[in-house]
PDB file of all heavy atoms in Angstrom:
ATOM      1  N   PRO A   1       0.837  -1.185  -0.002  1.00  0.00           N
ATOM      2  CA  PRO A   1       0.022  -0.004  -0.005  1.00  0.00           C
ATOM      3  C   PRO A   1       0.866   1.253   0.000  1.00  0.00           C
ATOM      4  O   PRO A   1       1.841   1.323   0.757  1.00  0.00           O
ATOM      5  CB  PRO A   1      -0.801  -0.108   1.300  1.00  0.00           C
ATOM      6  CG  PRO A   1       0.013  -1.004   2.173  1.00  0.00           C
ATOM      7  CD  PRO A   1       0.781  -1.907   1.294  1.00  0.00           C
ATOM      8  N   VAL A   2       0.567   2.226  -0.873  1.00  0.00           N
ATOM      9  CA  VAL A   2       1.325   3.422  -0.995  1.00  0.00           C
ATOM     10  C   VAL A   2       0.434   4.629  -0.747  1.00  0.00           C
ATOM     11  O   VAL A   2      -0.629   4.771  -1.278  1.00  0.00           O
ATOM     12  CB  VAL A   2       1.921   3.542  -2.430  1.00  0.00           C
ATOM     13  CG1 VAL A   2       2.755   4.821  -2.577  1.00  0.00           C
ATOM     14  CG2 VAL A   2       2.854   2.352  -2.712  1.00  0.00           C
ATOM     15  N   TYR A   3       0.982   5.545   0.128  1.00  0.00           N
ATOM     16  CA  TYR A   3       0.248   6.769   0.458  1.00  0.00           C
ATOM     17  C   TYR A   3       1.166   7.958   0.147  1.00  0.00           C
ATOM     18  O   TYR A   3       2.374   7.821  -0.007  1.00  0.00           O
ATOM     19  CB  TYR A   3      -0.093   6.736   1.952  1.00  0.00           C
ATOM     20  CG  TYR A   3      -0.908   5.540   2.398  1.00  0.00           C
ATOM     21  CD1 TYR A   3      -0.276   4.366   2.722  1.00  0.00           C
ATOM     22  CD2 TYR A   3      -2.306   5.598   2.422  1.00  0.00           C
ATOM     23  CE1 TYR A   3      -1.025   3.236   3.102  1.00  0.00           C
ATOM     24  CE2 TYR A   3      -3.082   4.495   2.780  1.00  0.00           C
ATOM     25  CZ  TYR A   3      -2.387   3.315   3.141  1.00  0.00           C
ATOM     26  OH  TYR A   3      -3.171   2.224   3.513  1.00  0.00           O
ATOM     27  N   VAL A   4       0.536   9.133   0.102  1.00  0.00           N
ATOM     28  CA  VAL A   4       1.303  10.342  -0.218  1.00  0.00           C
ATOM     29  C   VAL A   4       0.942  11.471   0.725  1.00  0.00           C
ATOM     30  O   VAL A   4      -0.223  11.664   1.087  1.00  0.00           O
ATOM     31  CB  VAL A   4       0.981  10.840  -1.644  1.00  0.00           C
ATOM     32  CG1 VAL A   4       1.793  12.092  -1.995  1.00  0.00           C
ATOM     33  CG2 VAL A   4       1.352   9.748  -2.680  1.00  0.00           C
ATOM     34  N   VAL A   5       1.940  12.197   1.160  1.00  0.00           N
ATOM     35  CA  VAL A   5       1.735  13.519   1.833  1.00  0.00           C
ATOM     36  C   VAL A   5       2.422  14.514   0.975  1.00  0.00           C
ATOM     37  O   VAL A   5       3.664  14.475   0.779  1.00  0.00           O
ATOM     38  CB  VAL A   5       2.347  13.531   3.261  1.00  0.00           C
ATOM     39  CG1 VAL A   5       2.180  14.901   3.884  1.00  0.00           C
ATOM     40  CG2 VAL A   5       1.746  12.471   4.135  1.00  0.00           C
ATOM     41  N   SER A   6       1.666  15.502   0.442  1.00  0.00           N
ATOM     42  CA  SER A   6       2.262  16.509  -0.418  1.00  0.00           C
ATOM     43  C   SER A   6       1.788  17.893   0.022  1.00  0.00           C
ATOM     44  O   SER A   6       0.683  18.090   0.548  1.00  0.00           O
ATOM     45  CB  SER A   6       1.871  16.264  -1.871  1.00  0.00           C
ATOM     46  OG  SER A   6       2.527  17.216  -2.736  1.00  0.00           O
ATOM     47  N   ASN A   7       2.685  18.874  -0.140  1.00  0.00           N
ATOM     48  CA  ASN A   7       2.384  20.229   0.243  1.00  0.00           C
ATOM     49  C   ASN A   7       2.851  21.203  -0.816  1.00  0.00           C
ATOM     50  O   ASN A   7       3.705  20.868  -1.656  1.00  0.00           O
ATOM     51  CB  ASN A   7       2.975  20.587   1.624  1.00  0.00           C
ATOM     52  CG  ASN A   7       4.483  20.741   1.529  1.00  0.00           C
ATOM     53  OD1 ASN A   7       4.986  21.850   1.352  1.00  0.00           O
ATOM     54  ND2 ASN A   7       5.243  19.625   1.618  1.00  0.00           N
ATOM     55  N   LEU A   8       2.304  22.413  -0.780  1.00  0.00           N
ATOM     56  CA  LEU A   8       2.761  23.466  -1.707  1.00  0.00           C
ATOM     57  C   LEU A   8       2.558  24.837  -1.063  1.00  0.00           C
ATOM     58  O   LEU A   8       1.890  24.935  -0.056  1.00  0.00           O
ATOM     59  CB  LEU A   8       1.968  23.405  -3.014  1.00  0.00           C
ATOM     60  CG  LEU A   8       0.554  23.953  -3.069  1.00  0.00           C
ATOM     61  CD1 LEU A   8       0.065  24.107  -4.498  1.00  0.00           C
ATOM     62  CD2 LEU A   8      -0.423  23.128  -2.275  1.00  0.00           C
ATOM     63  N   GLY A   9       3.221  25.819  -1.643  1.00  0.00           N
ATOM     64  CA  GLY A   9       3.137  27.147  -1.052  1.00  0.00           C
ATOM     65  C   GLY A   9       1.886  27.881  -1.458  1.00  0.00           C
ATOM     66  O   GLY A   9       1.486  28.816  -0.780  1.00  0.00           O
ATOM     67  N   PHE A  10       1.192  27.458  -2.545  1.00  0.00           N
ATOM     68  CA  PHE A  10      -0.044  28.097  -2.914  1.00  0.00           C
ATOM     69  C   PHE A  10      -1.130  27.783  -1.913  1.00  0.00           C
ATOM     70  O   PHE A  10      -1.081  26.802  -1.168  1.00  0.00           O
ATOM     71  CB  PHE A  10      -0.491  27.646  -4.305  1.00  0.00           C
ATOM     72  CG  PHE A  10       0.386  28.163  -5.406  1.00  0.00           C
ATOM     73  CD1 PHE A  10       1.165  27.272  -6.174  1.00  0.00           C
ATOM     74  CD2 PHE A  10       0.464  29.504  -5.713  1.00  0.00           C
ATOM     75  CE1 PHE A  10       1.980  27.754  -7.183  1.00  0.00           C
ATOM     76  CE2 PHE A  10       1.288  29.970  -6.719  1.00  0.00           C
ATOM     77  CZ  PHE A  10       2.043  29.093  -7.475  1.00  0.00           C
ATOM     78  N   TYR A  11      -2.172  28.570  -1.909  1.00  0.00           N
ATOM     79  CA  TYR A  11      -3.223  28.432  -0.903  1.00  0.00           C
ATOM     80  C   TYR A  11      -4.075  27.203  -1.147  1.00  0.00           C
ATOM     81  O   TYR A  11      -4.468  26.506  -0.222  1.00  0.00           O
ATOM     82  CB  TYR A  11      -4.112  29.716  -0.938  1.00  0.00           C
ATOM     83  CG  TYR A  11      -5.150  29.787   0.150  1.00  0.00           C
ATOM     84  CD1 TYR A  11      -4.826  30.210   1.422  1.00  0.00           C
ATOM     85  CD2 TYR A  11      -6.491  29.469  -0.137  1.00  0.00           C
ATOM     86  CE1 TYR A  11      -5.799  30.322   2.411  1.00  0.00           C
ATOM     87  CE2 TYR A  11      -7.469  29.527   0.833  1.00  0.00           C
ATOM     88  CZ  TYR A  11      -7.121  29.971   2.124  1.00  0.00           C
ATOM     89  OH  TYR A  11      -8.072  30.041   3.098  1.00  0.00           O
ATOM     90  N   GLU A  12      -4.379  26.908  -2.435  1.00  0.00           N
ATOM     91  CA  GLU A  12      -5.324  25.837  -2.738  1.00  0.00           C
ATOM     92  C   GLU A  12      -4.658  24.483  -2.844  1.00  0.00           C
ATOM     93  O   GLU A  12      -3.868  24.242  -3.763  1.00  0.00           O
ATOM     94  CB  GLU A  12      -6.035  26.182  -4.068  1.00  0.00           C
ATOM     95  CG  GLU A  12      -6.794  27.488  -4.075  1.00  0.00           C
ATOM     96  CD  GLU A  12      -5.957  28.699  -4.388  1.00  0.00           C
ATOM     97  OE1 GLU A  12      -4.710  28.533  -4.639  1.00  0.00           O
ATOM     98  OE2 GLU A  12      -6.463  29.812  -4.373  1.00  0.00           O
ATOM     99  N   ALA A  13      -5.017  23.596  -1.971  1.00  0.00           N
ATOM    100  CA  ALA A  13      -4.461  22.251  -1.945  1.00  0.00           C
ATOM    101  C   ALA A  13      -4.797  21.449  -3.194  1.00  0.00           C
ATOM    102  O   ALA A  13      -4.094  20.542  -3.583  1.00  0.00           O
ATOM    103  CB  ALA A  13      -4.879  21.485  -0.698  1.00  0.00           C
ATOM    104  N   GLU A  14      -5.934  21.809  -3.863  1.00  0.00           N
ATOM    105  CA  GLU A  14      -6.395  21.058  -5.023  1.00  0.00           C
ATOM    106  C   GLU A  14      -5.376  21.080  -6.157  1.00  0.00           C
ATOM    107  O   GLU A  14      -5.456  20.223  -7.069  1.00  0.00           O
ATOM    108  CB  GLU A  14      -7.740  21.622  -5.492  1.00  0.00           C
ATOM    109  CG  GLU A  14      -8.910  21.276  -4.629  1.00  0.00           C
ATOM    110  CD  GLU A  14      -8.977  22.148  -3.337  1.00  0.00           C
ATOM    111  OE1 GLU A  14      -8.193  23.128  -3.265  1.00  0.00           O
ATOM    112  OE2 GLU A  14      -9.783  21.843  -2.445  1.00  0.00           O
ATOM    113  N   GLN A  15      -4.434  22.015  -6.136  1.00  0.00           N
ATOM    114  CA  GLN A  15      -3.455  22.058  -7.224  1.00  0.00           C
ATOM    115  C   GLN A  15      -2.526  20.829  -7.173  1.00  0.00           C
ATOM    116  O   GLN A  15      -1.774  20.587  -8.130  1.00  0.00           O
ATOM    117  CB  GLN A  15      -2.610  23.320  -7.111  1.00  0.00           C
ATOM    118  CG  GLN A  15      -3.452  24.585  -7.373  1.00  0.00           C
ATOM    119  CD  GLN A  15      -2.571  25.836  -7.583  1.00  0.00           C
ATOM    120  OE1 GLN A  15      -1.605  25.776  -8.355  1.00  0.00           O
ATOM    121  NE2 GLN A  15      -2.873  26.896  -6.919  1.00  0.00           N
ATOM    122  N   ILE A  16      -2.573  20.087  -6.117  1.00  0.00           N
ATOM    123  CA  ILE A  16      -1.716  18.890  -5.951  1.00  0.00           C
ATOM    124  C   ILE A  16      -2.306  17.666  -6.664  1.00  0.00           C
ATOM    125  O   ILE A  16      -1.659  16.632  -6.785  1.00  0.00           O
ATOM    126  CB  ILE A  16      -1.483  18.591  -4.464  1.00  0.00           C
ATOM    127  CG1 ILE A  16      -0.708  19.800  -3.824  1.00  0.00           C
ATOM    128  CG2 ILE A  16      -0.665  17.368  -4.213  1.00  0.00           C
ATOM    129  CD1 ILE A  16      -0.529  19.653  -2.320  1.00  0.00           C
ATOM    130  N   LYS A  17      -3.494  17.793  -7.215  1.00  0.00           N
ATOM    131  CA  LYS A  17      -4.245  16.582  -7.738  1.00  0.00           C
ATOM    132  C   LYS A  17      -3.430  15.896  -8.843  1.00  0.00           C
ATOM    133  O   LYS A  17      -3.485  14.631  -8.953  1.00  0.00           O
ATOM    134  CB  LYS A  17      -5.608  17.008  -8.239  1.00  0.00           C
ATOM    135  CG  LYS A  17      -5.640  17.927  -9.419  1.00  0.00           C
ATOM    136  CD  LYS A  17      -7.043  18.295  -9.805  1.00  0.00           C
ATOM    137  CE  LYS A  17      -7.094  19.213 -11.034  1.00  0.00           C
ATOM    138  NZ  LYS A  17      -8.475  19.549 -11.396  1.00  0.00           N
ATOM    139  N   HIS A  18      -2.667  16.606  -9.667  1.00  0.00           N
ATOM    140  CA  HIS A  18      -1.931  15.967 -10.732  1.00  0.00           C
ATOM    141  C   HIS A  18      -0.761  15.151 -10.174  1.00  0.00           C
ATOM    142  O   HIS A  18      -0.442  14.062 -10.714  1.00  0.00           O
ATOM    143  CB  HIS A  18      -1.421  17.003 -11.715  1.00  0.00           C
ATOM    144  CG  HIS A  18      -2.525  17.789 -12.387  1.00  0.00           C
ATOM    145  ND1 HIS A  18      -3.498  17.218 -13.181  1.00  0.00           N
ATOM    146  CD2 HIS A  18      -2.831  19.129 -12.345  1.00  0.00           C
ATOM    147  CE1 HIS A  18      -4.358  18.119 -13.588  1.00  0.00           C
ATOM    148  NE2 HIS A  18      -3.961  19.276 -13.093  1.00  0.00           N
ATOM    149  N   LEU A  19      -0.129  15.656  -9.152  1.00  0.00           N
ATOM    150  CA  LEU A  19       0.948  14.887  -8.505  1.00  0.00           C
ATOM    151  C   LEU A  19       0.374  13.552  -7.946  1.00  0.00           C
ATOM    152  O   LEU A  19       1.005  12.489  -8.098  1.00  0.00           O
ATOM    153  CB  LEU A  19       1.579  15.719  -7.374  1.00  0.00           C
ATOM    154  CG  LEU A  19       2.752  15.078  -6.616  1.00  0.00           C
ATOM    155  CD1 LEU A  19       3.615  16.181  -5.972  1.00  0.00           C
ATOM    156  CD2 LEU A  19       2.285  14.162  -5.460  1.00  0.00           C
ATOM    157  N   LEU A  20      -0.752  13.637  -7.339  1.00  0.00           N
ATOM    158  CA  LEU A  20      -1.387  12.392  -6.776  1.00  0.00           C
ATOM    159  C   LEU A  20      -1.756  11.420  -7.858  1.00  0.00           C
ATOM    160  O   LEU A  20      -1.613  10.192  -7.673  1.00  0.00           O
ATOM    161  CB  LEU A  20      -2.582  12.804  -5.909  1.00  0.00           C
ATOM    162  CG  LEU A  20      -2.355  13.829  -4.800  1.00  0.00           C
ATOM    163  CD1 LEU A  20      -3.625  13.950  -3.969  1.00  0.00           C
ATOM    164  CD2 LEU A  20      -1.192  13.375  -3.914  1.00  0.00           C
ATOM    165  N   ALA A  21      -2.211  11.946  -8.975  1.00  0.00           N
ATOM    166  CA  ALA A  21      -2.560  11.068 -10.121  1.00  0.00           C
ATOM    167  C   ALA A  21      -1.338  10.377 -10.678  1.00  0.00           C
ATOM    168  O   ALA A  21      -1.383   9.201 -11.056  1.00  0.00           O
ATOM    169  CB  ALA A  21      -3.204  11.906 -11.214  1.00  0.00           C
ATOM    170  N   ILE A  22      -0.192  11.076 -10.677  1.00  0.00           N
ATOM    171  CA  ILE A  22       1.074  10.463 -11.151  1.00  0.00           C
ATOM    172  C   ILE A  22       1.430   9.278 -10.271  1.00  0.00           C
ATOM    173  O   ILE A  22       1.775   8.180 -10.750  1.00  0.00           O
ATOM    174  CB  ILE A  22       2.193  11.506 -11.166  1.00  0.00           C
ATOM    175  CG1 ILE A  22       1.984  12.546 -12.246  1.00  0.00           C
ATOM    176  CG2 ILE A  22       3.575  10.807 -11.316  1.00  0.00           C
ATOM    177  CD1 ILE A  22       2.935  13.734 -12.148  1.00  0.00           C
ATOM    178  N   VAL A  23       1.345   9.449  -8.947  1.00  0.00           N
ATOM    179  CA  VAL A  23       1.709   8.357  -8.015  1.00  0.00           C
ATOM    180  C   VAL A  23       0.685   7.203  -8.183  1.00  0.00           C
ATOM    181  O   VAL A  23       1.058   6.048  -8.158  1.00  0.00           O
ATOM    182  CB  VAL A  23       1.734   8.836  -6.566  1.00  0.00           C
ATOM    183  CG1 VAL A  23       2.017   7.660  -5.627  1.00  0.00           C
ATOM    184  CG2 VAL A  23       2.819   9.921  -6.406  1.00  0.00           C
ATOM    185  N   GLU A  24      -0.566   7.554  -8.290  1.00  0.00           N
ATOM    186  CA  GLU A  24      -1.606   6.471  -8.417  1.00  0.00           C
ATOM    187  C   GLU A  24      -1.358   5.658  -9.698  1.00  0.00           C
ATOM    188  O   GLU A  24      -1.436   4.417  -9.685  1.00  0.00           O
ATOM    189  CB  GLU A  24      -3.002   7.087  -8.455  1.00  0.00           C
ATOM    190  CG  GLU A  24      -4.085   6.053  -8.494  1.00  0.00           C
ATOM    191  CD  GLU A  24      -5.499   6.563  -8.306  1.00  0.00           C
ATOM    192  OE1 GLU A  24      -5.613   7.839  -8.266  1.00  0.00           O
ATOM    193  OE2 GLU A  24      -6.437   5.802  -8.150  1.00  0.00           O
ATOM    194  N   ASN A  25      -1.056   6.331 -10.804  1.00  0.00           N
ATOM    195  CA  ASN A  25      -0.768   5.579 -12.031  1.00  0.00           C
ATOM    196  C   ASN A  25       0.491   4.749 -11.937  1.00  0.00           C
ATOM    197  O   ASN A  25       0.519   3.615 -12.463  1.00  0.00           O
ATOM    198  CB  ASN A  25      -0.624   6.578 -13.208  1.00  0.00           C
ATOM    199  CG  ASN A  25      -1.962   7.229 -13.600  1.00  0.00           C
ATOM    200  OD1 ASN A  25      -2.987   6.666 -13.357  1.00  0.00           O
ATOM    201  ND2 ASN A  25      -1.877   8.436 -14.149  1.00  0.00           N
ATOM    202  N   TRP A  26       1.503   5.274 -11.231  1.00  0.00           N
ATOM    203  CA  TRP A  26       2.730   4.484 -11.010  1.00  0.00           C
ATOM    204  C   TRP A  26       2.397   3.226 -10.184  1.00  0.00           C
ATOM    205  O   TRP A  26       2.924   2.161 -10.495  1.00  0.00           O
ATOM    206  CB  TRP A  26       3.757   5.326 -10.309  1.00  0.00           C
ATOM    207  CG  TRP A  26       4.992   4.609  -9.892  1.00  0.00           C
ATOM    208  CD1 TRP A  26       6.033   4.250 -10.693  1.00  0.00           C
ATOM    209  CD2 TRP A  26       5.331   4.134  -8.609  1.00  0.00           C
ATOM    210  NE1 TRP A  26       6.984   3.603  -9.973  1.00  0.00           N
ATOM    211  CE2 TRP A  26       6.602   3.514  -8.700  1.00  0.00           C
ATOM    212  CE3 TRP A  26       4.671   4.242  -7.355  1.00  0.00           C
ATOM    213  CZ2 TRP A  26       7.227   2.948  -7.575  1.00  0.00           C
ATOM    214  CZ3 TRP A  26       5.302   3.664  -6.251  1.00  0.00           C
ATOM    215  CH2 TRP A  26       6.526   3.072  -6.355  1.00  0.00           C
ATOM    216  N   CYS A  27       1.562   3.365  -9.194  1.00  0.00           N
ATOM    217  CA  CYS A  27       1.207   2.216  -8.354  1.00  0.00           C
ATOM    218  C   CYS A  27       0.511   1.090  -9.177  1.00  0.00           C
ATOM    219  O   CYS A  27       0.806  -0.058  -9.011  1.00  0.00           O
ATOM    220  CB  CYS A  27       0.234   2.673  -7.244  1.00  0.00           C
ATOM    221  SG  CYS A  27       1.003   3.584  -5.879  1.00  0.00           S
TER     222      CYS A  27
END
């Protein structure tokens, strides 16, 4: 099982959705 914790300096966390999709596809 693989999980992700990601952060960014922008206010909206939703901008991280493409990073999460990359990890999910790799899994």
